[in-house]
Amino acid sequence: MKKLDYISILAGGKCKFNCDFCVGKDIRKDVKPYFSTKWESFIECFADMTNLLSVSGDTSDPSFVKDTLKIPGIAKSFNKDIKVTIHTRNLNVIKAAKNAGYDSFVFSIDENFNKEMLDTLKKYKDENFDIRLSLVLTDYNFCILDEWSKSFKEIFDFKMTIRPEVKLAKDEAMNWTLYSAFLNIRSKKYKSPYDSKKYITKMENGAIKLKRFPNVWYWDYNATNPKLDVRYLFSDGTIAGNCQWGKDKK
């Protein structure tokens, strides 16, 4: 049977976080957060084709959907080996997510991340519950990795994935600014991180692991998604694969 890299269930509806970088904020409906009514049949159809299920959002945070805590149990009833991860900005649900059977907790952070949040994450991390951080670099926080490397080094004890904001990913000039900020490249002859193996520890499915920040992966949807075989269940019921968030396909 063909294996997928991962499958993903996305939450729709309104979201009290209203992150500026949210890819779905402009199409968000002012209704209670929800998953597509197909979410259980989606799991039944695809769970035995992958070992990873991601629960995230297209316009809302999945922590606001009541069915979120049911997903790990149902997924593992179809595939006992599947790992289920939740992507959220709601730190208040970390205990409930762990108790519900989630294997991984990906916490979305920004420049306001602090020591108290870090201590909460440390409290729940163990060998059976992986905790990672997710950071979107924007035009107002793209130097944050530099700042943290000097004053908040504990943050790098956690694995972290970073990516450019969608609107920035379409802006070549800003992309250069972002690349230079975290790769510490000073010469303009390097137009992207792919051009300089000196700063790359490892590449996997297009994602880049950085030498400067060993626990940090740089994730560019435009580069990685064509290399992944995935299935997304969007909140409107659409099932799609290899969705490119950053740029429209030509």
C-alpha atoms as a PDB file:
ATOM      1  CA  MET A   1       0.000   0.000   0.000  1.00  0.00           C
ATOM      2  CA  LYS A   2       1.270   3.484  -0.886  1.00  0.00           C
ATOM      3  CA  LYS A   3       2.583   5.456   2.072  1.00  0.00           C
ATOM      4  CA  LEU A   4       1.932   9.170   2.594  1.00  0.00           C
ATOM      5  CA  ASP A   5       4.407  11.424   4.380  1.00  0.00           C
ATOM      6  CA  TYR A   6       1.578  12.678   6.574  1.00  0.00           C
ATOM      7  CA  ILE A   7      -2.098  13.579   6.679  1.00  0.00           C
ATOM      8  CA  SER A   8      -3.579  16.726   8.195  1.00  0.00           C
ATOM      9  CA  ILE A   9      -6.944  17.844   9.587  1.00  0.00           C
ATOM     10  CA  LEU A  10      -7.438  21.613   9.578  1.00  0.00           C
ATOM     11  CA  ALA A  11      -9.780  23.687  11.737  1.00  0.00           C
ATOM     12  CA  GLY A  12     -11.900  26.506  10.317  1.00  0.00           C
ATOM     13  CA  GLY A  13     -14.051  29.254  11.757  1.00  0.00           C
ATOM     14  CA  LYS A  14     -13.174  32.251  13.890  1.00  0.00           C
ATOM     15  CA  CYS A  15     -10.051  32.408  16.023  1.00  0.00           C
ATOM     16  CA  LYS A  16      -9.446  34.636  19.026  1.00  0.00           C
ATOM     17  CA  PHE A  17      -5.697  34.715  18.382  1.00  0.00           C
ATOM     18  CA  ASN A  18      -5.995  36.469  14.994  1.00  0.00           C
ATOM     19  CA  CYS A  19      -2.293  36.115  14.223  1.00  0.00           C
ATOM     20  CA  ASP A  20      -1.133  38.619  11.617  1.00  0.00           C
ATOM     21  CA  PHE A  21       0.728  35.890   9.714  1.00  0.00           C
ATOM     22  CA  CYS A  22      -2.235  33.468   9.541  1.00  0.00           C
ATOM     23  CA  VAL A  23      -2.590  32.177   5.982  1.00  0.00           C
ATOM     24  CA  GLY A  24      -6.363  31.914   6.364  1.00  0.00           C
ATOM     25  CA  LYS A  25      -7.228  35.160   8.132  1.00  0.00           C
ATOM     26  CA  ASP A  26      -8.628  36.783   4.972  1.00  0.00           C
ATOM     27  CA  ILE A  27     -11.069  33.927   4.306  1.00  0.00           C
ATOM     28  CA  ARG A  28     -12.099  33.300   7.915  1.00  0.00           C
ATOM     29  CA  LYS A  29     -15.825  32.945   8.569  1.00  0.00           C
ATOM     30  CA  ASP A  30     -17.291  34.397  11.753  1.00  0.00           C
ATOM     31  CA  VAL A  31     -18.603  31.065  12.999  1.00  0.00           C
ATOM     32  CA  LYS A  32     -17.679  28.770  15.875  1.00  0.00           C
ATOM     33  CA  PRO A  33     -14.407  26.860  15.216  1.00  0.00           C
ATOM     34  CA  TYR A  34     -15.006  23.516  13.525  1.00  0.00           C
ATOM     35  CA  PHE A  35     -13.553  20.624  11.538  1.00  0.00           C
ATOM     36  CA  SER A  36     -15.108  19.312   8.368  1.00  0.00           C
ATOM     37  CA  THR A  37     -17.832  16.772   9.105  1.00  0.00           C
ATOM     38  CA  LYS A  38     -15.680  14.352   7.085  1.00  0.00           C
ATOM     39  CA  TRP A  39     -12.890  14.234   9.667  1.00  0.00           C
ATOM     40  CA  GLU A  40     -13.676  10.744  11.020  1.00  0.00           C
ATOM     41  CA  SER A  41     -14.100   9.182   7.581  1.00  0.00           C
ATOM     42  CA  PHE A  42     -10.907  10.980   6.470  1.00  0.00           C
ATOM     43  CA  ILE A  43      -8.993   9.276   9.280  1.00  0.00           C
ATOM     44  CA  GLU A  44     -10.575   5.899   8.456  1.00  0.00           C
ATOM     45  CA  CYS A  45      -9.581   6.289   4.808  1.00  0.00           C
ATOM     46  CA  PHE A  46      -5.988   7.453   5.224  1.00  0.00           C
ATOM     47  CA  ALA A  47      -4.731   6.441   8.691  1.00  0.00           C
ATOM     48  CA  ASP A  48      -3.256   3.138   7.552  1.00  0.00           C
ATOM     49  CA  MET A  49      -1.386   4.922   4.728  1.00  0.00           C
ATOM     50  CA  THR A  50       0.792   7.046   6.994  1.00  0.00           C
ATOM     51  CA  ASN A  51       2.467   7.131  10.379  1.00  0.00           C
ATOM     52  CA  LEU A  52       1.832  10.825  11.026  1.00  0.00           C
ATOM     53  CA  LEU A  53      -1.386  12.794  11.512  1.00  0.00           C
ATOM     54  CA  SER A  54      -1.157  16.547  12.002  1.00  0.00           C
ATOM     55  CA  VAL A  55      -4.030  18.493  13.575  1.00  0.00           C
ATOM     56  CA  SER A  56      -3.788  22.174  12.743  1.00  0.00           C
ATOM     57  CA  GLY A  57      -5.889  24.976  11.280  1.00  0.00           C
ATOM     58  CA  ASP A  58      -6.619  26.771   8.029  1.00  0.00           C
ATOM     59  CA  THR A  59      -8.414  29.728   9.652  1.00  0.00           C
ATOM     60  CA  SER A  60      -8.637  28.811  13.342  1.00  0.00           C
ATOM     61  CA  ASP A  61      -6.711  27.142  16.146  1.00  0.00           C
ATOM     62  CA  PRO A  62      -7.674  23.452  16.553  1.00  0.00           C
ATOM     63  CA  SER A  63      -7.691  23.771  20.351  1.00  0.00           C
ATOM     64  CA  PHE A  64     -11.022  25.597  20.066  1.00  0.00           C
ATOM     65  CA  VAL A  65     -12.750  22.606  18.411  1.00  0.00           C
ATOM     66  CA  LYS A  66     -14.305  20.185  20.913  1.00  0.00           C
ATOM     67  CA  ASP A  67     -13.548  17.108  18.784  1.00  0.00           C
ATOM     68  CA  THR A  68      -9.795  17.801  18.887  1.00  0.00           C
ATOM     69  CA  LEU A  69      -9.254  15.581  21.924  1.00  0.00           C
ATOM     70  CA  LYS A  70     -11.069  12.653  20.262  1.00  0.00           C
ATOM     71  CA  ILE A  71      -8.731  12.488  17.282  1.00  0.00           C
ATOM     72  CA  PRO A  72      -5.742  10.552  18.715  1.00  0.00           C
ATOM     73  CA  GLY A  73      -7.892   7.709  20.027  1.00  0.00           C
ATOM     74  CA  ILE A  74      -9.801   7.327  16.783  1.00  0.00           C
ATOM     75  CA  ALA A  75      -6.658   7.540  14.635  1.00  0.00           C
ATOM     76  CA  LYS A  76      -4.875   4.888  16.699  1.00  0.00           C
ATOM     77  CA  SER A  77      -7.863   2.581  16.476  1.00  0.00           C
ATOM     78  CA  PHE A  78      -7.138   2.345  12.735  1.00  0.00           C
ATOM     79  CA  ASN A  79      -3.334   2.427  12.970  1.00  0.00           C
ATOM     80  CA  LYS A  80      -1.702   1.654  16.299  1.00  0.00           C
ATOM     81  CA  ASP A  81       1.640   3.015  15.037  1.00  0.00           C
ATOM     82  CA  ILE A  82       0.406   6.411  13.906  1.00  0.00           C
ATOM     83  CA  LYS A  83       1.823   9.472  15.678  1.00  0.00           C
ATOM     84  CA  VAL A  84      -0.586  12.351  16.197  1.00  0.00           C
ATOM     85  CA  THR A  85       0.594  15.920  16.616  1.00  0.00           C
ATOM     86  CA  ILE A  86      -1.300  19.120  17.389  1.00  0.00           C
ATOM     87  CA  HIS A  87      -0.203  22.550  16.167  1.00  0.00           C
ATOM     88  CA  THR A  88      -1.576  25.294  18.401  1.00  0.00           C
ATOM     89  CA  ARG A  89      -0.956  28.673  19.954  1.00  0.00           C
ATOM     90  CA  ASN A  90      -2.955  27.731  23.032  1.00  0.00           C
ATOM     91  CA  LEU A  91      -0.587  26.653  25.793  1.00  0.00           C
ATOM     92  CA  ASN A  92      -3.544  26.074  28.132  1.00  0.00           C
ATOM     93  CA  VAL A  93      -4.419  22.819  26.347  1.00  0.00           C
ATOM     94  CA  ILE A  94      -1.042  21.129  26.690  1.00  0.00           C
ATOM     95  CA  LYS A  95      -2.082  18.902  29.630  1.00  0.00           C
ATOM     96  CA  ALA A  96      -5.362  17.897  27.979  1.00  0.00           C
ATOM     97  CA  ALA A  97      -3.579  17.143  24.696  1.00  0.00           C
ATOM     98  CA  LYS A  98      -1.061  14.912  26.443  1.00  0.00           C
ATOM     99  CA  ASN A  99      -3.784  13.058  28.352  1.00  0.00           C
ATOM    100  CA  ALA A 100      -5.808  12.613  25.145  1.00  0.00           C
ATOM    101  CA  GLY A 101      -2.985  10.679  23.524  1.00  0.00           C
ATOM    102  CA  TYR A 102      -1.237  13.247  21.368  1.00  0.00           C
ATOM    103  CA  ASP A 103       2.373  12.254  20.755  1.00  0.00           C
ATOM    104  CA  SER A 104       3.635  15.712  19.890  1.00  0.00           C
ATOM    105  CA  PHE A 105       2.756  19.294  20.793  1.00  0.00           C
ATOM    106  CA  VAL A 106       3.866  22.034  18.385  1.00  0.00           C
ATOM    107  CA  PHE A 107       3.534  25.420  20.046  1.00  0.00           C
ATOM    108  CA  SER A 108       3.351  28.497  17.824  1.00  0.00           C
ATOM    109  CA  ILE A 109       5.474  31.316  19.229  1.00  0.00           C
ATOM    110  CA  ASP A 110       6.357  34.896  18.415  1.00  0.00           C
ATOM    111  CA  GLU A 111       8.633  37.594  19.787  1.00  0.00           C
ATOM    112  CA  ASN A 112       6.566  37.647  23.011  1.00  0.00           C
ATOM    113  CA  PHE A 113       7.642  34.138  24.005  1.00  0.00           C
ATOM    114  CA  ASN A 114       8.894  34.245  27.604  1.00  0.00           C
ATOM    115  CA  LYS A 115      10.489  32.265  30.439  1.00  0.00           C
ATOM    116  CA  GLU A 116       7.115  31.373  31.991  1.00  0.00           C
ATOM    117  CA  MET A 117       5.965  29.754  28.758  1.00  0.00           C
ATOM    118  CA  LEU A 118       9.258  27.911  28.473  1.00  0.00           C
ATOM    119  CA  ASP A 119       8.921  26.559  32.018  1.00  0.00           C
ATOM    120  CA  THR A 120       5.398  25.297  31.250  1.00  0.00           C
ATOM    121  CA  LEU A 121       6.657  23.441  28.188  1.00  0.00           C
ATOM    122  CA  LYS A 122       9.516  21.896  30.168  1.00  0.00           C
ATOM    123  CA  LYS A 123       7.029  20.651  32.762  1.00  0.00           C
ATOM    124  CA  TYR A 124       5.212  18.466  30.243  1.00  0.00           C
ATOM    125  CA  LYS A 125       8.050  17.315  28.025  1.00  0.00           C
ATOM    126  CA  ASP A 126       9.090  13.671  28.337  1.00  0.00           C
ATOM    127  CA  GLU A 127      10.254  10.861  26.074  1.00  0.00           C
ATOM    128  CA  ASN A 128       6.683   9.998  25.073  1.00  0.00           C
ATOM    129  CA  PHE A 129       5.493  13.557  24.471  1.00  0.00           C
ATOM    130  CA  ASP A 130       7.596  15.546  22.041  1.00  0.00           C
ATOM    131  CA  ILE A 131       7.351  19.338  22.280  1.00  0.00           C
ATOM    132  CA  ARG A 132       8.478  21.597  19.465  1.00  0.00           C
ATOM    133  CA  LEU A 133       8.268  25.307  18.695  1.00  0.00           C
ATOM    134  CA  SER A 134       7.048  26.937  15.502  1.00  0.00           C
ATOM    135  CA  LEU A 135       8.030  30.474  14.539  1.00  0.00           C
ATOM    136  CA  VAL A 136       6.857  32.557  11.598  1.00  0.00           C
ATOM    137  CA  LEU A 137       9.370  35.238  10.673  1.00  0.00           C
ATOM    138  CA  THR A 138       7.722  38.523   9.784  1.00  0.00           C
ATOM    139  CA  ASP A 139       8.889  41.974   8.769  1.00  0.00           C
ATOM    140  CA  TYR A 140       8.906  43.038  12.428  1.00  0.00           C
ATOM    141  CA  ASN A 141      10.525  40.024  14.101  1.00  0.00           C
ATOM    142  CA  PHE A 142      13.000  38.631  11.580  1.00  0.00           C
ATOM    143  CA  CYS A 143      15.968  39.416  13.846  1.00  0.00           C
ATOM    144  CA  ILE A 144      14.504  37.534  16.801  1.00  0.00           C
ATOM    145  CA  LEU A 145      16.770  34.486  16.428  1.00  0.00           C
ATOM    146  CA  ASP A 146      19.798  36.728  16.721  1.00  0.00           C
ATOM    147  CA  GLU A 147      18.356  38.339  19.835  1.00  0.00           C
ATOM    148  CA  TRP A 148      17.444  35.016  21.449  1.00  0.00           C
ATOM    149  CA  SER A 149      20.889  33.571  20.700  1.00  0.00           C
ATOM    150  CA  LYS A 150      22.352  36.285  22.924  1.00  0.00           C
ATOM    151  CA  SER A 151      19.795  36.694  25.698  1.00  0.00           C
ATOM    152  CA  PHE A 152      17.451  33.670  25.740  1.00  0.00           C
ATOM    153  CA  LYS A 153      19.544  30.662  24.763  1.00  0.00           C
ATOM    154  CA  GLU A 154      17.329  28.212  26.672  1.00  0.00           C
ATOM    155  CA  ILE A 155      14.788  28.447  23.888  1.00  0.00           C
ATOM    156  CA  PHE A 156      17.133  26.524  21.608  1.00  0.00           C
ATOM    157  CA  ASP A 157      16.932  23.483  23.890  1.00  0.00           C
ATOM    158  CA  PHE A 158      13.686  22.787  22.046  1.00  0.00           C
ATOM    159  CA  LYS A 159      13.435  21.788  18.418  1.00  0.00           C
ATOM    160  CA  MET A 160      12.114  24.700  16.396  1.00  0.00           C
ATOM    161  CA  THR A 161      10.734  25.092  12.888  1.00  0.00           C
ATOM    162  CA  ILE A 162      10.776  28.501  11.257  1.00  0.00           C
ATOM    163  CA  ARG A 163       9.314  29.746   8.015  1.00  0.00           C
ATOM    164  CA  PRO A 164       8.801  33.128   6.375  1.00  0.00           C
ATOM    165  CA  GLU A 165       5.401  34.762   6.469  1.00  0.00           C
ATOM    166  CA  VAL A 166       3.468  34.012   3.287  1.00  0.00           C
ATOM    167  CA  LYS A 167       3.523  37.624   2.083  1.00  0.00           C
ATOM    168  CA  LEU A 168       7.258  37.784   2.758  1.00  0.00           C
ATOM    169  CA  ALA A 169       7.877  34.539   0.916  1.00  0.00           C
ATOM    170  CA  LYS A 170       6.552  36.298  -2.194  1.00  0.00           C
ATOM    171  CA  ASP A 171       8.910  39.219  -1.705  1.00  0.00           C
ATOM    172  CA  GLU A 172      12.415  38.372  -2.903  1.00  0.00           C
ATOM    173  CA  ALA A 173      13.955  41.398  -1.211  1.00  0.00           C
ATOM    174  CA  MET A 174      12.448  40.497   2.154  1.00  0.00           C
ATOM    175  CA  ASN A 175      13.410  36.858   1.651  1.00  0.00           C
ATOM    176  CA  TRP A 176      17.003  37.986   1.366  1.00  0.00           C
ATOM    177  CA  THR A 177      16.648  39.951   4.608  1.00  0.00           C
ATOM    178  CA  LEU A 178      15.265  36.892   6.387  1.00  0.00           C
ATOM    179  CA  TYR A 179      17.897  34.563   5.038  1.00  0.00           C
ATOM    180  CA  SER A 180      20.732  36.870   6.003  1.00  0.00           C
ATOM    181  CA  ALA A 181      19.298  37.379   9.493  1.00  0.00           C
ATOM    182  CA  PHE A 182      19.354  33.766  10.591  1.00  0.00           C
ATOM    183  CA  LEU A 183      22.131  32.427   8.395  1.00  0.00           C
ATOM    184  CA  ASN A 184      24.424  35.346   9.172  1.00  0.00           C
ATOM    185  CA  ILE A 185      25.331  35.673   5.503  1.00  0.00           C
ATOM    186  CA  ARG A 186      26.955  39.012   4.724  1.00  0.00           C
ATOM    187  CA  SER A 187      27.621  38.720   1.025  1.00  0.00           C
ATOM    188  CA  LYS A 188      24.796  39.382  -1.433  1.00  0.00           C
ATOM    189  CA  LYS A 189      26.185  36.751  -3.777  1.00  0.00           C
ATOM    190  CA  TYR A 190      24.216  34.253  -1.651  1.00  0.00           C
ATOM    191  CA  LYS A 191      20.653  34.771  -2.818  1.00  0.00           C
ATOM    192  CA  SER A 192      19.111  31.956  -0.802  1.00  0.00           C
ATOM    193  CA  PRO A 193      20.170  29.458   1.868  1.00  0.00           C
ATOM    194  CA  TYR A 194      20.227  26.734  -0.769  1.00  0.00           C
ATOM    195  CA  ASP A 195      23.263  28.426  -2.327  1.00  0.00           C
ATOM    196  CA  SER A 196      25.497  28.063   0.698  1.00  0.00           C
ATOM    197  CA  LYS A 197      26.235  24.542   1.980  1.00  0.00           C
ATOM    198  CA  LYS A 198      28.510  26.202   4.519  1.00  0.00           C
ATOM    199  CA  TYR A 199      25.482  27.085   6.647  1.00  0.00           C
ATOM    200  CA  ILE A 200      23.478  23.898   6.119  1.00  0.00           C
ATOM    201  CA  THR A 201      23.782  20.855   8.356  1.00  0.00           C
ATOM    202  CA  LYS A 202      21.157  18.740   6.648  1.00  0.00           C
ATOM    203  CA  MET A 203      18.346  18.960   4.108  1.00  0.00           C
ATOM    204  CA  GLU A 204      15.288  16.724   4.267  1.00  0.00           C
ATOM    205  CA  ASN A 205      12.334  16.971   1.882  1.00  0.00           C
ATOM    206  CA  GLY A 206      13.533  20.483   1.099  1.00  0.00           C
ATOM    207  CA  ALA A 207      13.630  21.653   4.733  1.00  0.00           C
ATOM    208  CA  ILE A 208      16.961  22.995   5.930  1.00  0.00           C
ATOM    209  CA  LYS A 209      18.694  22.322   9.218  1.00  0.00           C
ATOM    210  CA  LEU A 210      20.992  25.168  10.162  1.00  0.00           C
ATOM    211  CA  LYS A 211      24.526  24.932  11.536  1.00  0.00           C
ATOM    212  CA  ARG A 212      24.193  28.193  13.414  1.00  0.00           C
ATOM    213  CA  PHE A 213      21.119  26.942  15.309  1.00  0.00           C
ATOM    214  CA  PRO A 214      21.388  23.108  15.412  1.00  0.00           C
ATOM    215  CA  ASN A 215      17.844  22.535  16.721  1.00  0.00           C
ATOM    216  CA  VAL A 216      16.287  24.854  14.131  1.00  0.00           C
ATOM    217  CA  TRP A 217      14.787  23.782  10.816  1.00  0.00           C
ATOM    218  CA  TYR A 218      13.905  26.274   8.098  1.00  0.00           C
ATOM    219  CA  TRP A 219      10.693  25.297   6.320  1.00  0.00           C
ATOM    220  CA  ASP A 220       9.723  26.922   3.034  1.00  0.00           C
ATOM    221  CA  TYR A 221       6.357  25.592   1.831  1.00  0.00           C
ATOM    222  CA  ASN A 222       7.238  26.347  -1.776  1.00  0.00           C
ATOM    223  CA  ALA A 223      10.378  24.220  -1.575  1.00  0.00           C
ATOM    224  CA  THR A 224       9.188  21.396   0.659  1.00  0.00           C
ATOM    225  CA  ASN A 225       5.618  20.628  -0.333  1.00  0.00           C
ATOM    226  CA  PRO A 226       6.391  19.451  -3.890  1.00  0.00           C
ATOM    227  CA  LYS A 227       8.665  16.869  -2.260  1.00  0.00           C
ATOM    228  CA  LEU A 228       6.003  15.549   0.127  1.00  0.00           C
ATOM    229  CA  ASP A 229       3.072  13.270  -0.559  1.00  0.00           C
ATOM    230  CA  VAL A 230       0.378  14.431   1.860  1.00  0.00           C
ATOM    231  CA  ARG A 231      -3.380  14.766   2.224  1.00  0.00           C
ATOM    232  CA  TYR A 232      -5.030  17.776   3.846  1.00  0.00           C
ATOM    233  CA  LEU A 233      -8.652  17.839   4.988  1.00  0.00           C
ATOM    234  CA  PHE A 234      -9.637  21.496   4.906  1.00  0.00           C
ATOM    235  CA  SER A 235     -12.479  22.800   7.034  1.00  0.00           C
ATOM    236  CA  ASP A 236     -14.744  23.207   4.000  1.00  0.00           C
ATOM    237  CA  GLY A 237     -14.456  19.463   3.299  1.00  0.00           C
ATOM    238  CA  THR A 238     -11.921  19.760   0.486  1.00  0.00           C
ATOM    239  CA  ILE A 239      -9.273  17.037   0.437  1.00  0.00           C
ATOM    240  CA  ALA A 240      -6.062  18.135  -1.251  1.00  0.00           C
ATOM    241  CA  GLY A 241      -2.449  17.050  -1.533  1.00  0.00           C
ATOM    242  CA  ASN A 242       0.793  18.975  -1.821  1.00  0.00           C
ATOM    243  CA  CYS A 243      -0.817  22.328  -1.132  1.00  0.00           C
ATOM    244  CA  GLN A 244       1.533  25.264  -1.771  1.00  0.00           C
ATOM    245  CA  TRP A 245       0.764  27.926   0.820  1.00  0.00           C
ATOM    246  CA  GLY A 246       3.348  30.445  -0.246  1.00  0.00           C
ATOM    247  CA  LYS A 247       2.875  30.848  -3.982  1.00  0.00           C
ATOM    248  CA  ASP A 248       0.227  29.942  -6.520  1.00  0.00           C
ATOM    249  CA  LYS A 249       1.167  27.055  -8.767  1.00  0.00           C
ATOM    250  CA  LYS A 250       2.009  28.111 -12.296  1.00  0.00           C
END
